[in-house]
Amino acid sequence: MNGEVIKTFLVGLGFAVDDKSLKNFNKAMDNAYVRMTLIAGGITAAATGIFAGISQISDGFEKMGYEYRIIAPMINRQIMLRNALLKLPGNWYQHHSAVQQSGDFQFSLSQTKFN
């Protein structure tokens, strides 16, 4: 801020302005300007960091959304297939599952035997 403009304005209003007070005023204004510039820089840096953090979070959600868009239909198809198998006559799916579990059990027993 130009101190001469302020000095001219105040003198025009009838005030007396001494040069020492004007220099102190100009120094205070320069100091305030520097401090405001530092505060503005800090706010800008903080806003940049916050924006970067939010962008990373939103990218993660976007990626997760794409993955769910792919995974959800596959899960739905498996559920529909399971339900269809459960409706088969004689409940083939449950019999097949029991046979498979029995085989797994027999296999684990054979692995625990010592020769």
PDB file of N, CA and C in Angstrom:
ATOM      1  N   MET A   1       0.853  -1.164   0.000  1.00  0.00           N
ATOM      2  CA  MET A   1       0.000   0.000   0.000  1.00  0.00           C
ATOM      3  C   MET A   1       0.902   1.230   0.000  1.00  0.00           C
ATOM      4  N   ASN A   2       0.585   2.212  -0.758  1.00  0.00           N
ATOM      5  CA  ASN A   2       1.393   3.419  -0.894  1.00  0.00           C
ATOM      6  C   ASN A   2       1.033   4.399   0.219  1.00  0.00           C
ATOM      7  N   GLY A   3       2.021   4.689   1.101  1.00  0.00           N
ATOM      8  CA  GLY A   3       1.799   5.589   2.226  1.00  0.00           C
ATOM      9  C   GLY A   3       1.563   7.020   1.801  1.00  0.00           C
ATOM     10  N   GLU A   4       2.097   7.405   0.665  1.00  0.00           N
ATOM     11  CA  GLU A   4       1.929   8.795   0.191  1.00  0.00           C
ATOM     12  C   GLU A   4       0.472   9.081  -0.163  1.00  0.00           C
ATOM     13  N   VAL A   5      -0.227   8.096  -0.679  1.00  0.00           N
ATOM     14  CA  VAL A   5      -1.637   8.287  -1.018  1.00  0.00           C
ATOM     15  C   VAL A   5      -2.435   8.527   0.260  1.00  0.00           C
ATOM     16  N   ILE A   6      -2.152   7.718   1.280  1.00  0.00           N
ATOM     17  CA  ILE A   6      -2.847   7.883   2.554  1.00  0.00           C
ATOM     18  C   ILE A   6      -2.503   9.236   3.168  1.00  0.00           C
ATOM     19  N   LYS A   7      -1.202   9.601   3.097  1.00  0.00           N
ATOM     20  CA  LYS A   7      -0.754  10.878   3.655  1.00  0.00           C
ATOM     21  C   LYS A   7      -1.484  12.040   2.969  1.00  0.00           C
ATOM     22  N   THR A   8      -1.552  12.006   1.661  1.00  0.00           N
ATOM     23  CA  THR A   8      -2.220  13.057   0.910  1.00  0.00           C
ATOM     24  C   THR A   8      -3.695  13.126   1.276  1.00  0.00           C
ATOM     25  N   PHE A   9      -4.332  11.968   1.420  1.00  0.00           N
ATOM     26  CA  PHE A   9      -5.744  11.926   1.788  1.00  0.00           C
ATOM     27  C   PHE A   9      -5.969  12.545   3.162  1.00  0.00           C
ATOM     28  N   LEU A  10      -5.154  12.132   4.139  1.00  0.00           N
ATOM     29  CA  LEU A  10      -5.321  12.645   5.499  1.00  0.00           C
ATOM     30  C   LEU A  10      -5.021  14.140   5.589  1.00  0.00           C
ATOM     31  N   VAL A  11      -3.985  14.593   4.889  1.00  0.00           N
ATOM     32  CA  VAL A  11      -3.657  16.022   4.883  1.00  0.00           C
ATOM     33  C   VAL A  11      -4.799  16.798   4.233  1.00  0.00           C
ATOM     34  N   GLY A  12      -5.389  16.235   3.188  1.00  0.00           N
ATOM     35  CA  GLY A  12      -6.523  16.871   2.525  1.00  0.00           C
ATOM     36  C   GLY A  12      -7.722  17.013   3.448  1.00  0.00           C
ATOM     37  N   LEU A  13      -7.851  16.095   4.418  1.00  0.00           N
ATOM     38  CA  LEU A  13      -8.940  16.179   5.391  1.00  0.00           C
ATOM     39  C   LEU A  13      -8.614  17.124   6.550  1.00  0.00           C
ATOM     40  N   GLY A  14      -7.379  17.585   6.572  1.00  0.00           N
ATOM     41  CA  GLY A  14      -7.014  18.522   7.622  1.00  0.00           C
ATOM     42  C   GLY A  14      -6.207  17.908   8.747  1.00  0.00           C
ATOM     43  N   PHE A  15      -5.822  16.655   8.628  1.00  0.00           N
ATOM     44  CA  PHE A  15      -5.010  16.013   9.662  1.00  0.00           C
ATOM     45  C   PHE A  15      -3.536  16.289   9.405  1.00  0.00           C
ATOM     46  N   ALA A  16      -2.782  16.326  10.474  1.00  0.00           N
ATOM     47  CA  ALA A  16      -1.332  16.459  10.360  1.00  0.00           C
ATOM     48  C   ALA A  16      -0.745  15.057  10.426  1.00  0.00           C
ATOM     49  N   VAL A  17       0.137  14.742   9.530  1.00  0.00           N
ATOM     50  CA  VAL A  17       0.762  13.426   9.473  1.00  0.00           C
ATOM     51  C   VAL A  17       2.261  13.630   9.587  1.00  0.00           C
ATOM     52  N   ASP A  18       2.835  13.015  10.638  1.00  0.00           N
ATOM     53  CA  ASP A  18       4.284  13.114  10.734  1.00  0.00           C
ATOM     54  C   ASP A  18       4.904  11.908  10.039  1.00  0.00           C
ATOM     55  N   ASP A  19       6.105  12.085   9.537  1.00  0.00           N
ATOM     56  CA  ASP A  19       6.765  11.043   8.733  1.00  0.00           C
ATOM     57  C   ASP A  19       7.086   9.799   9.549  1.00  0.00           C
ATOM     58  N   LYS A  20       7.431   9.952  10.840  1.00  0.00           N
ATOM     59  CA  LYS A  20       7.754   8.792  11.666  1.00  0.00           C
ATOM     60  C   LYS A  20       6.522   7.886  11.832  1.00  0.00           C
ATOM     61  N   SER A  21       5.384   8.496  12.121  1.00  0.00           N
ATOM     62  CA  SER A  21       4.157   7.710  12.264  1.00  0.00           C
ATOM     63  C   SER A  21       3.774   7.050  10.948  1.00  0.00           C
ATOM     64  N   LEU A  22       3.987   7.764   9.843  1.00  0.00           N
ATOM     65  CA  LEU A  22       3.680   7.195   8.531  1.00  0.00           C
ATOM     66  C   LEU A  22       4.577   6.013   8.223  1.00  0.00           C
ATOM     67  N   LYS A  23       5.861   6.113   8.585  1.00  0.00           N
ATOM     68  CA  LYS A  23       6.793   4.987   8.366  1.00  0.00           C
ATOM     69  C   LYS A  23       6.387   3.785   9.212  1.00  0.00           C
ATOM     70  N   ASN A  24       6.017   4.041  10.469  1.00  0.00           N
ATOM     71  CA  ASN A  24       5.563   2.946  11.337  1.00  0.00           C
ATOM     72  C   ASN A  24       4.296   2.299  10.775  1.00  0.00           C
ATOM     73  N   PHE A  25       3.392   3.119  10.278  1.00  0.00           N
ATOM     74  CA  PHE A  25       2.169   2.605   9.676  1.00  0.00           C
ATOM     75  C   PHE A  25       2.480   1.752   8.443  1.00  0.00           C
ATOM     76  N   ASN A  26       3.374   2.272   7.592  1.00  0.00           N
ATOM     77  CA  ASN A  26       3.751   1.518   6.387  1.00  0.00           C
ATOM     78  C   ASN A  26       4.428   0.203   6.747  1.00  0.00           C
ATOM     79  N   LYS A  27       5.271   0.218   7.782  1.00  0.00           N
ATOM     80  CA  LYS A  27       5.956  -1.007   8.220  1.00  0.00           C
ATOM     81  C   LYS A  27       4.934  -2.013   8.739  1.00  0.00           C
ATOM     82  N   ALA A  28       3.965  -1.533   9.521  1.00  0.00           N
ATOM     83  CA  ALA A  28       2.917  -2.419  10.031  1.00  0.00           C
ATOM     84  C   ALA A  28       2.086  -2.995   8.890  1.00  0.00           C
ATOM     85  N   MET A  29       1.784  -2.192   7.904  1.00  0.00           N
ATOM     86  CA  MET A  29       1.015  -2.675   6.747  1.00  0.00           C
ATOM     87  C   MET A  29       1.812  -3.720   5.959  1.00  0.00           C
ATOM     88  N   ASP A  30       3.114  -3.457   5.770  1.00  0.00           N
ATOM     89  CA  ASP A  30       3.950  -4.437   5.064  1.00  0.00           C
ATOM     90  C   ASP A  30       4.015  -5.746   5.845  1.00  0.00           C
ATOM     91  N   ASN A  31       4.157  -5.639   7.163  1.00  0.00           N
ATOM     92  CA  ASN A  31       4.205  -6.822   8.014  1.00  0.00           C
ATOM     93  C   ASN A  31       2.883  -7.596   7.923  1.00  0.00           C
ATOM     94  N   ALA A  32       1.776  -6.883   7.962  1.00  0.00           N
ATOM     95  CA  ALA A  32       0.462  -7.529   7.841  1.00  0.00           C
ATOM     96  C   ALA A  32       0.309  -8.196   6.483  1.00  0.00           C
ATOM     97  N   TYR A  33       0.816  -7.551   5.444  1.00  0.00           N
ATOM     98  CA  TYR A  33       0.734  -8.123   4.098  1.00  0.00           C
ATOM     99  C   TYR A  33       1.522  -9.430   4.023  1.00  0.00           C
ATOM    100  N   VAL A  34       2.727  -9.433   4.620  1.00  0.00           N
ATOM    101  CA  VAL A  34       3.553 -10.648   4.610  1.00  0.00           C
ATOM    102  C   VAL A  34       2.852 -11.759   5.388  1.00  0.00           C
ATOM    103  N   ARG A  35       2.299 -11.424   6.543  1.00  0.00           N
ATOM    104  CA  ARG A  35       1.613 -12.440   7.348  1.00  0.00           C
ATOM    105  C   ARG A  35       0.386 -12.990   6.622  1.00  0.00           C
ATOM    106  N   MET A  36      -0.365 -12.122   5.990  1.00  0.00           N
ATOM    107  CA  MET A  36      -1.543 -12.581   5.248  1.00  0.00           C
ATOM    108  C   MET A  36      -1.140 -13.466   4.072  1.00  0.00           C
ATOM    109  N   THR A  37      -0.016 -13.135   3.443  1.00  0.00           N
ATOM    110  CA  THR A  37       0.477 -13.969   2.344  1.00  0.00           C
ATOM    111  C   THR A  37       0.852 -15.354   2.865  1.00  0.00           C
ATOM    112  N   LEU A  38       1.512 -15.418   4.036  1.00  0.00           N
ATOM    113  CA  LEU A  38       1.869 -16.716   4.625  1.00  0.00           C
ATOM    114  C   LEU A  38       0.623 -17.515   5.011  1.00  0.00           C
ATOM    115  N   ILE A  39      -0.348 -16.834   5.581  1.00  0.00           N
ATOM    116  CA  ILE A  39      -1.596 -17.526   5.952  1.00  0.00           C
ATOM    117  C   ILE A  39      -2.306 -18.050   4.703  1.00  0.00           C
ATOM    118  N   ALA A  40      -2.348 -17.229   3.662  1.00  0.00           N
ATOM    119  CA  ALA A  40      -2.989 -17.663   2.413  1.00  0.00           C
ATOM    120  C   ALA A  40      -2.260 -18.867   1.821  1.00  0.00           C
ATOM    121  N   GLY A  41      -0.921 -18.855   1.905  1.00  0.00           N
ATOM    122  CA  GLY A  41      -0.145 -20.008   1.416  1.00  0.00           C
ATOM    123  C   GLY A  41      -0.436 -21.260   2.222  1.00  0.00           C
ATOM    124  N   GLY A  42      -0.543 -21.106   3.549  1.00  0.00           N
ATOM    125  CA  GLY A  42      -0.873 -22.254   4.390  1.00  0.00           C
ATOM    126  C   GLY A  42      -2.256 -22.810   4.096  1.00  0.00           C
ATOM    127  N   ILE A  43      -3.208 -21.913   3.893  1.00  0.00           N
ATOM    128  CA  ILE A  43      -4.569 -22.355   3.571  1.00  0.00           C
ATOM    129  C   ILE A  43      -4.595 -23.062   2.220  1.00  0.00           C
ATOM    130  N   THR A  44      -3.846 -22.529   1.264  1.00  0.00           N
ATOM    131  CA  THR A  44      -3.790 -23.163  -0.058  1.00  0.00           C
ATOM    132  C   THR A  44      -3.167 -24.551   0.036  1.00  0.00           C
ATOM    133  N   ALA A  45      -2.073 -24.672   0.821  1.00  0.00           N
ATOM    134  CA  ALA A  45      -1.422 -25.979   0.981  1.00  0.00           C
ATOM    135  C   ALA A  45      -2.366 -26.966   1.665  1.00  0.00           C
ATOM    136  N   ALA A  46      -3.070 -26.514   2.701  1.00  0.00           N
ATOM    137  CA  ALA A  46      -4.010 -27.395   3.395  1.00  0.00           C
ATOM    138  C   ALA A  46      -5.138 -27.828   2.462  1.00  0.00           C
ATOM    139  N   ALA A  47      -5.656 -26.888   1.688  1.00  0.00           N
ATOM    140  CA  ALA A  47      -6.744 -27.219   0.754  1.00  0.00           C
ATOM    141  C   ALA A  47      -6.275 -28.212  -0.299  1.00  0.00           C
ATOM    142  N   THR A  48      -5.027 -28.051  -0.756  1.00  0.00           N
ATOM    143  CA  THR A  48      -4.474 -28.984  -1.739  1.00  0.00           C
ATOM    144  C   THR A  48      -4.364 -30.385  -1.149  1.00  0.00           C
ATOM    145  N   GLY A  49      -3.871 -30.473   0.104  1.00  0.00           N
ATOM    146  CA  GLY A  49      -3.771 -31.770   0.765  1.00  0.00           C
ATOM    147  C   GLY A  49      -5.117 -32.420   0.985  1.00  0.00           C
ATOM    148  N   ILE A  50      -6.085 -31.627   1.412  1.00  0.00           N
ATOM    149  CA  ILE A  50      -7.433 -32.156   1.637  1.00  0.00           C
ATOM    150  C   ILE A  50      -8.038 -32.641   0.321  1.00  0.00           C
ATOM    151  N   PHE A  51      -7.867 -31.857  -0.728  1.00  0.00           N
ATOM    152  CA  PHE A  51      -8.396 -32.249  -2.037  1.00  0.00           C
ATOM    153  C   PHE A  51      -7.759 -33.561  -2.512  1.00  0.00           C
ATOM    154  N   ALA A  52      -6.425 -33.670  -2.321  1.00  0.00           N
ATOM    155  CA  ALA A  52      -5.737 -34.901  -2.740  1.00  0.00           C
ATOM    156  C   ALA A  52      -6.255 -36.103  -1.951  1.00  0.00           C
ATOM    157  N   GLY A  53      -6.449 -35.920  -0.642  1.00  0.00           N
ATOM    158  CA  GLY A  53      -6.958 -37.019   0.171  1.00  0.00           C
ATOM    159  C   GLY A  53      -8.357 -37.440  -0.235  1.00  0.00           C
ATOM    160  N   ILE A  54      -9.223 -36.483  -0.458  1.00  0.00           N
ATOM    161  CA  ILE A  54     -10.598 -36.794  -0.880  1.00  0.00           C
ATOM    162  C   ILE A  54     -10.600 -37.450  -2.252  1.00  0.00           C
ATOM    163  N   SER A  55      -9.704 -37.000  -3.131  1.00  0.00           N
ATOM    164  CA  SER A  55      -9.622 -37.607  -4.464  1.00  0.00           C
ATOM    165  C   SER A  55      -9.213 -39.073  -4.369  1.00  0.00           C
ATOM    166  N   GLN A  56      -8.258 -39.390  -3.488  1.00  0.00           N
ATOM    167  CA  GLN A  56      -7.837 -40.783  -3.333  1.00  0.00           C
ATOM    168  C   GLN A  56      -8.975 -41.634  -2.788  1.00  0.00           C
ATOM    169  N   ILE A  57      -9.708 -41.091  -1.812  1.00  0.00           N
ATOM    170  CA  ILE A  57     -10.826 -41.843  -1.250  1.00  0.00           C
ATOM    171  C   ILE A  57     -11.895 -42.078  -2.317  1.00  0.00           C
ATOM    172  N   SER A  58     -12.215 -41.039  -3.078  1.00  0.00           N
ATOM    173  CA  SER A  58     -13.263 -41.193  -4.092  1.00  0.00           C
ATOM    174  C   SER A  58     -12.811 -42.132  -5.209  1.00  0.00           C
ATOM    175  N   ASP A  59     -11.502 -42.132  -5.535  1.00  0.00           N
ATOM    176  CA  ASP A  59     -11.000 -43.083  -6.533  1.00  0.00           C
ATOM    177  C   ASP A  59     -11.176 -44.509  -6.032  1.00  0.00           C
ATOM    178  N   GLY A  60     -10.916 -44.722  -4.734  1.00  0.00           N
ATOM    179  CA  GLY A  60     -11.102 -46.050  -4.153  1.00  0.00           C
ATOM    180  C   GLY A  60     -12.552 -46.493  -4.219  1.00  0.00           C
ATOM    181  N   PHE A  61     -13.468 -45.576  -3.894  1.00  0.00           N
ATOM    182  CA  PHE A  61     -14.889 -45.917  -3.978  1.00  0.00           C
ATOM    183  C   PHE A  61     -15.309 -46.180  -5.421  1.00  0.00           C
ATOM    184  N   GLU A  62     -14.768 -45.415  -6.347  1.00  0.00           N
ATOM    185  CA  GLU A  62     -15.115 -45.612  -7.748  1.00  0.00           C
ATOM    186  C   GLU A  62     -14.631 -46.984  -8.216  1.00  0.00           C
ATOM    187  N   LYS A  63     -13.389 -47.337  -7.837  1.00  0.00           N
ATOM    188  CA  LYS A  63     -12.844 -48.645  -8.211  1.00  0.00           C
ATOM    189  C   LYS A  63     -13.679 -49.764  -7.590  1.00  0.00           C
ATOM    190  N   MET A  64     -14.051 -49.582  -6.315  1.00  0.00           N
ATOM    191  CA  MET A  64     -14.854 -50.577  -5.639  1.00  0.00           C
ATOM    192  C   MET A  64     -16.215 -50.719  -6.331  1.00  0.00           C
ATOM    193  N   GLY A  65     -16.769 -49.600  -6.777  1.00  0.00           N
ATOM    194  CA  GLY A  65     -18.042 -49.652  -7.490  1.00  0.00           C
ATOM    195  C   GLY A  65     -17.942 -50.444  -8.776  1.00  0.00           C
ATOM    196  N   TYR A  66     -16.833 -50.237  -9.511  1.00  0.00           N
ATOM    197  CA  TYR A  66     -16.639 -51.004 -10.741  1.00  0.00           C
ATOM    198  C   TYR A  66     -16.489 -52.489 -10.437  1.00  0.00           C
ATOM    199  N   GLU A  67     -15.733 -52.804  -9.374  1.00  0.00           N
ATOM    200  CA  GLU A  67     -15.558 -54.210  -9.016  1.00  0.00           C
ATOM    201  C   GLU A  67     -16.881 -54.847  -8.619  1.00  0.00           C
ATOM    202  N   TYR A  68     -17.685 -54.137  -7.823  1.00  0.00           N
ATOM    203  CA  TYR A  68     -18.975 -54.684  -7.417  1.00  0.00           C
ATOM    204  C   TYR A  68     -19.903 -54.838  -8.603  1.00  0.00           C
ATOM    205  N   ARG A  69     -19.779 -53.949  -9.570  1.00  0.00           N
ATOM    206  CA  ARG A  69     -20.617 -54.047 -10.760  1.00  0.00           C
ATOM    207  C   ARG A  69     -20.286 -55.321 -11.533  1.00  0.00           C
ATOM    208  N   ILE A  70     -19.052 -55.778 -11.448  1.00  0.00           N
ATOM    209  CA  ILE A  70     -18.640 -57.010 -12.123  1.00  0.00           C
ATOM    210  C   ILE A  70     -18.956 -58.226 -11.259  1.00  0.00           C
ATOM    211  N   ILE A  71     -18.686 -58.114  -9.937  1.00  0.00           N
ATOM    212  CA  ILE A  71     -18.829 -59.258  -9.041  1.00  0.00           C
ATOM    213  C   ILE A  71     -20.291 -59.581  -8.747  1.00  0.00           C
ATOM    214  N   ALA A  72     -21.115 -58.565  -8.558  1.00  0.00           N
ATOM    215  CA  ALA A  72     -22.512 -58.792  -8.161  1.00  0.00           C
ATOM    216  C   ALA A  72     -23.270 -59.704  -9.131  1.00  0.00           C
ATOM    217  N   PRO A  73     -23.183 -59.509 -10.451  1.00  0.00           N
ATOM    218  CA  PRO A  73     -23.899 -60.427 -11.345  1.00  0.00           C
ATOM    219  C   PRO A  73     -23.374 -61.862 -11.254  1.00  0.00           C
ATOM    220  N   MET A  74     -22.061 -62.020 -11.029  1.00  0.00           N
ATOM    221  CA  MET A  74     -21.511 -63.374 -10.906  1.00  0.00           C
ATOM    222  C   MET A  74     -22.049 -64.056  -9.648  1.00  0.00           C
ATOM    223  N   ILE A  75     -22.106 -63.318  -8.541  1.00  0.00           N
ATOM    224  CA  ILE A  75     -22.658 -63.869  -7.305  1.00  0.00           C
ATOM    225  C   ILE A  75     -24.127 -64.214  -7.502  1.00  0.00           C
ATOM    226  N   ASN A  76     -24.857 -63.351  -8.165  1.00  0.00           N
ATOM    227  CA  ASN A  76     -26.272 -63.586  -8.416  1.00  0.00           C
ATOM    228  C   ASN A  76     -26.472 -64.852  -9.256  1.00  0.00           C
ATOM    229  N   ARG A  77     -25.614 -65.037 -10.262  1.00  0.00           N
ATOM    230  CA  ARG A  77     -25.725 -66.246 -11.093  1.00  0.00           C
ATOM    231  C   ARG A  77     -25.468 -67.500 -10.268  1.00  0.00           C
ATOM    232  N   GLN A  78     -24.477 -67.442  -9.372  1.00  0.00           N
ATOM    233  CA  GLN A  78     -24.178 -68.606  -8.536  1.00  0.00           C
ATOM    234  C   GLN A  78     -25.350 -68.913  -7.597  1.00  0.00           C
ATOM    235  N   ILE A  79     -25.959 -67.884  -7.052  1.00  0.00           N
ATOM    236  CA  ILE A  79     -27.114 -68.093  -6.170  1.00  0.00           C
ATOM    237  C   ILE A  79     -28.271 -68.697  -6.958  1.00  0.00           C
ATOM    238  N   MET A  80     -28.504 -68.198  -8.156  1.00  0.00           N
ATOM    239  CA  MET A  80     -29.579 -68.744  -8.986  1.00  0.00           C
ATOM    240  C   MET A  80     -29.289 -70.196  -9.356  1.00  0.00           C
ATOM    241  N   LEU A  81     -28.041 -70.526  -9.669  1.00  0.00           N
ATOM    242  CA  LEU A  81     -27.663 -71.907 -10.001  1.00  0.00           C
ATOM    243  C   LEU A  81     -27.862 -72.815  -8.789  1.00  0.00           C
ATOM    244  N   ARG A  82     -27.443 -72.363  -7.626  1.00  0.00           N
ATOM    245  CA  ARG A  82     -27.625 -73.155  -6.409  1.00  0.00           C
ATOM    246  C   ARG A  82     -29.104 -73.392  -6.134  1.00  0.00           C
ATOM    247  N   ASN A  83     -29.906 -72.343  -6.257  1.00  0.00           N
ATOM    248  CA  ASN A  83     -31.350 -72.505  -6.030  1.00  0.00           C
ATOM    249  C   ASN A  83     -31.964 -73.472  -7.035  1.00  0.00           C
ATOM    250  N   ALA A  84     -31.511 -73.418  -8.269  1.00  0.00           N
ATOM    251  CA  ALA A  84     -32.028 -74.351  -9.283  1.00  0.00           C
ATOM    252  C   ALA A  84     -31.617 -75.779  -8.950  1.00  0.00           C
ATOM    253  N   LEU A  85     -30.382 -75.971  -8.484  1.00  0.00           N
ATOM    254  CA  LEU A  85     -29.932 -77.314  -8.123  1.00  0.00           C
ATOM    255  C   LEU A  85     -30.690 -77.849  -6.918  1.00  0.00           C
ATOM    256  N   LEU A  86     -31.020 -76.970  -5.973  1.00  0.00           N
ATOM    257  CA  LEU A  86     -31.776 -77.409  -4.797  1.00  0.00           C
ATOM    258  C   LEU A  86     -33.201 -77.831  -5.156  1.00  0.00           C
ATOM    259  N   LYS A  87     -33.719 -77.324  -6.259  1.00  0.00           N
ATOM    260  CA  LYS A  87     -35.089 -77.652  -6.677  1.00  0.00           C
ATOM    261  C   LYS A  87     -35.157 -78.936  -7.503  1.00  0.00           C
ATOM    262  N   LEU A  88     -33.990 -79.506  -7.852  1.00  0.00           N
ATOM    263  CA  LEU A  88     -33.987 -80.733  -8.654  1.00  0.00           C
ATOM    264  C   LEU A  88     -34.633 -81.873  -7.887  1.00  0.00           C
ATOM    265  N   PRO A  89     -35.264 -82.805  -8.610  1.00  0.00           N
ATOM    266  CA  PRO A  89     -35.882 -83.963  -7.941  1.00  0.00           C
ATOM    267  C   PRO A  89     -34.831 -84.772  -7.192  1.00  0.00           C
ATOM    268  N   GLY A  90     -35.189 -85.197  -5.993  1.00  0.00           N
ATOM    269  CA  GLY A  90     -34.268 -86.000  -5.203  1.00  0.00           C
ATOM    270  C   GLY A  90     -33.186 -85.146  -4.556  1.00  0.00           C
ATOM    271  N   ASN A  91     -33.297 -83.868  -4.715  1.00  0.00           N
ATOM    272  CA  ASN A  91     -32.334 -82.936  -4.134  1.00  0.00           C
ATOM    273  C   ASN A  91     -30.898 -83.371  -4.445  1.00  0.00           C
ATOM    274  N   TRP A  92     -30.600 -83.464  -5.729  1.00  0.00           N
ATOM    275  CA  TRP A  92     -29.303 -83.924  -6.223  1.00  0.00           C
ATOM    276  C   TRP A  92     -28.151 -83.128  -5.620  1.00  0.00           C
ATOM    277  N   TYR A  93     -28.334 -81.831  -5.452  1.00  0.00           N
ATOM    278  CA  TYR A  93     -27.247 -80.967  -4.985  1.00  0.00           C
ATOM    279  C   TYR A  93     -26.819 -81.340  -3.566  1.00  0.00           C
ATOM    280  N   GLN A  94     -27.791 -81.612  -2.693  1.00  0.00           N
ATOM    281  CA  GLN A  94     -27.437 -81.969  -1.325  1.00  0.00           C
ATOM    282  C   GLN A  94     -26.756 -83.333  -1.266  1.00  0.00           C
ATOM    283  N   HIS A  95     -27.201 -84.263  -2.117  1.00  0.00           N
ATOM    284  CA  HIS A  95     -26.556 -85.582  -2.153  1.00  0.00           C
ATOM    285  C   HIS A  95     -25.127 -85.439  -2.647  1.00  0.00           C
ATOM    286  N   HIS A  96     -24.945 -84.660  -3.683  1.00  0.00           N
ATOM    287  CA  HIS A  96     -23.613 -84.453  -4.235  1.00  0.00           C
ATOM    288  C   HIS A  96     -22.698 -83.816  -3.187  1.00  0.00           C
ATOM    289  N   SER A  97     -23.230 -82.851  -2.459  1.00  0.00           N
ATOM    290  CA  SER A  97     -22.452 -82.180  -1.435  1.00  0.00           C
ATOM    291  C   SER A  97     -22.066 -83.161  -0.325  1.00  0.00           C
ATOM    292  N   ALA A  98     -22.966 -84.018   0.079  1.00  0.00           N
ATOM    293  CA  ALA A  98     -22.676 -84.998   1.126  1.00  0.00           C
ATOM    294  C   ALA A  98     -21.608 -85.977   0.657  1.00  0.00           C
ATOM    295  N   VAL A  99     -21.683 -86.418  -0.586  1.00  0.00           N
ATOM    296  CA  VAL A  99     -20.672 -87.333  -1.134  1.00  0.00           C
ATOM    297  C   VAL A  99     -19.313 -86.642  -1.165  1.00  0.00           C
ATOM    298  N   GLN A 100     -19.300 -85.404  -1.579  1.00  0.00           N
ATOM    299  CA  GLN A 100     -18.037 -84.665  -1.648  1.00  0.00           C
ATOM    300  C   GLN A 100     -17.449 -84.490  -0.244  1.00  0.00           C
ATOM    301  N   GLN A 101     -18.270 -84.155   0.738  1.00  0.00           N
ATOM    302  CA  GLN A 101     -17.775 -84.003   2.100  1.00  0.00           C
ATOM    303  C   GLN A 101     -17.269 -85.327   2.658  1.00  0.00           C
ATOM    304  N   SER A 102     -17.940 -86.400   2.328  1.00  0.00           N
ATOM    305  CA  SER A 102     -17.491 -87.724   2.766  1.00  0.00           C
ATOM    306  C   SER A 102     -16.126 -88.054   2.170  1.00  0.00           C
ATOM    307  N   GLY A 103     -15.968 -87.752   0.899  1.00  0.00           N
ATOM    308  CA  GLY A 103     -14.666 -87.991   0.260  1.00  0.00           C
ATOM    309  C   GLY A 103     -13.574 -87.142   0.889  1.00  0.00           C
ATOM    310  N   ASP A 104     -13.870 -85.897   1.181  1.00  0.00           N
ATOM    311  CA  ASP A 104     -12.888 -85.030   1.838  1.00  0.00           C
ATOM    312  C   ASP A 104     -12.517 -85.565   3.217  1.00  0.00           C
ATOM    313  N   PHE A 105     -13.520 -86.067   3.938  1.00  0.00           N
ATOM    314  CA  PHE A 105     -13.265 -86.628   5.262  1.00  0.00           C
ATOM    315  C   PHE A 105     -12.376 -87.869   5.166  1.00  0.00           C
ATOM    316  N   GLN A 106     -12.689 -88.753   4.218  1.00  0.00           N
ATOM    317  CA  GLN A 106     -11.878 -89.958   4.031  1.00  0.00           C
ATOM    318  C   GLN A 106     -10.436 -89.603   3.660  1.00  0.00           C
ATOM    319  N   PHE A 107     -10.285 -88.596   2.826  1.00  0.00           N
ATOM    320  CA  PHE A 107      -8.953 -88.159   2.417  1.00  0.00           C
ATOM    321  C   PHE A 107      -8.170 -87.616   3.621  1.00  0.00           C
ATOM    322  N   SER A 108      -8.820 -86.841   4.459  1.00  0.00           N
ATOM    323  CA  SER A 108      -8.127 -86.284   5.626  1.00  0.00           C
ATOM    324  C   SER A 108      -7.782 -87.374   6.607  1.00  0.00           C
ATOM    325  N   LEU A 109      -8.639 -88.408   6.735  1.00  0.00           N
ATOM    326  CA  LEU A 109      -8.304 -89.545   7.610  1.00  0.00           C
ATOM    327  C   LEU A 109      -7.087 -90.295   7.082  1.00  0.00           C
ATOM    328  N   SER A 110      -7.031 -90.474   5.783  1.00  0.00           N
ATOM    329  CA  SER A 110      -5.899 -91.209   5.211  1.00  0.00           C
ATOM    330  C   SER A 110      -4.592 -90.421   5.386  1.00  0.00           C
ATOM    331  N   GLN A 111      -4.668 -89.124   5.451  1.00  0.00           N
ATOM    332  CA  GLN A 111      -3.468 -88.304   5.635  1.00  0.00           C
ATOM    333  C   GLN A 111      -2.959 -88.352   7.087  1.00  0.00           C
ATOM    334  N   THR A 112      -3.839 -88.668   8.032  1.00  0.00           N
ATOM    335  CA  THR A 112      -3.435 -88.681   9.435  1.00  0.00           C
ATOM    336  C   THR A 112      -2.899 -90.029   9.882  1.00  0.00           C
ATOM    337  N   LYS A 113      -2.989 -91.067   9.062  1.00  0.00           N
ATOM    338  CA  LYS A 113      -2.500 -92.401   9.430  1.00  0.00           C
ATOM    339  C   LYS A 113      -0.976 -92.439   9.293  1.00  0.00           C
ATOM    340  N   PHE A 114      -0.378 -93.120  10.253  1.00  0.00           N
ATOM    341  CA  PHE A 114       1.068 -93.292  10.204  1.00  0.00           C
ATOM    342  C   PHE A 114       1.383 -94.708   9.742  1.00  0.00           C
ATOM    343  N   ASN A 115       2.424 -94.827   8.935  1.00  0.00           N
ATOM    344  CA  ASN A 115       2.815 -96.150   8.417  1.00  0.00           C
ATOM    345  C   ASN A 115       3.826 -96.773   9.323  1.00  0.00           C
TER     346      ASN A 115
END
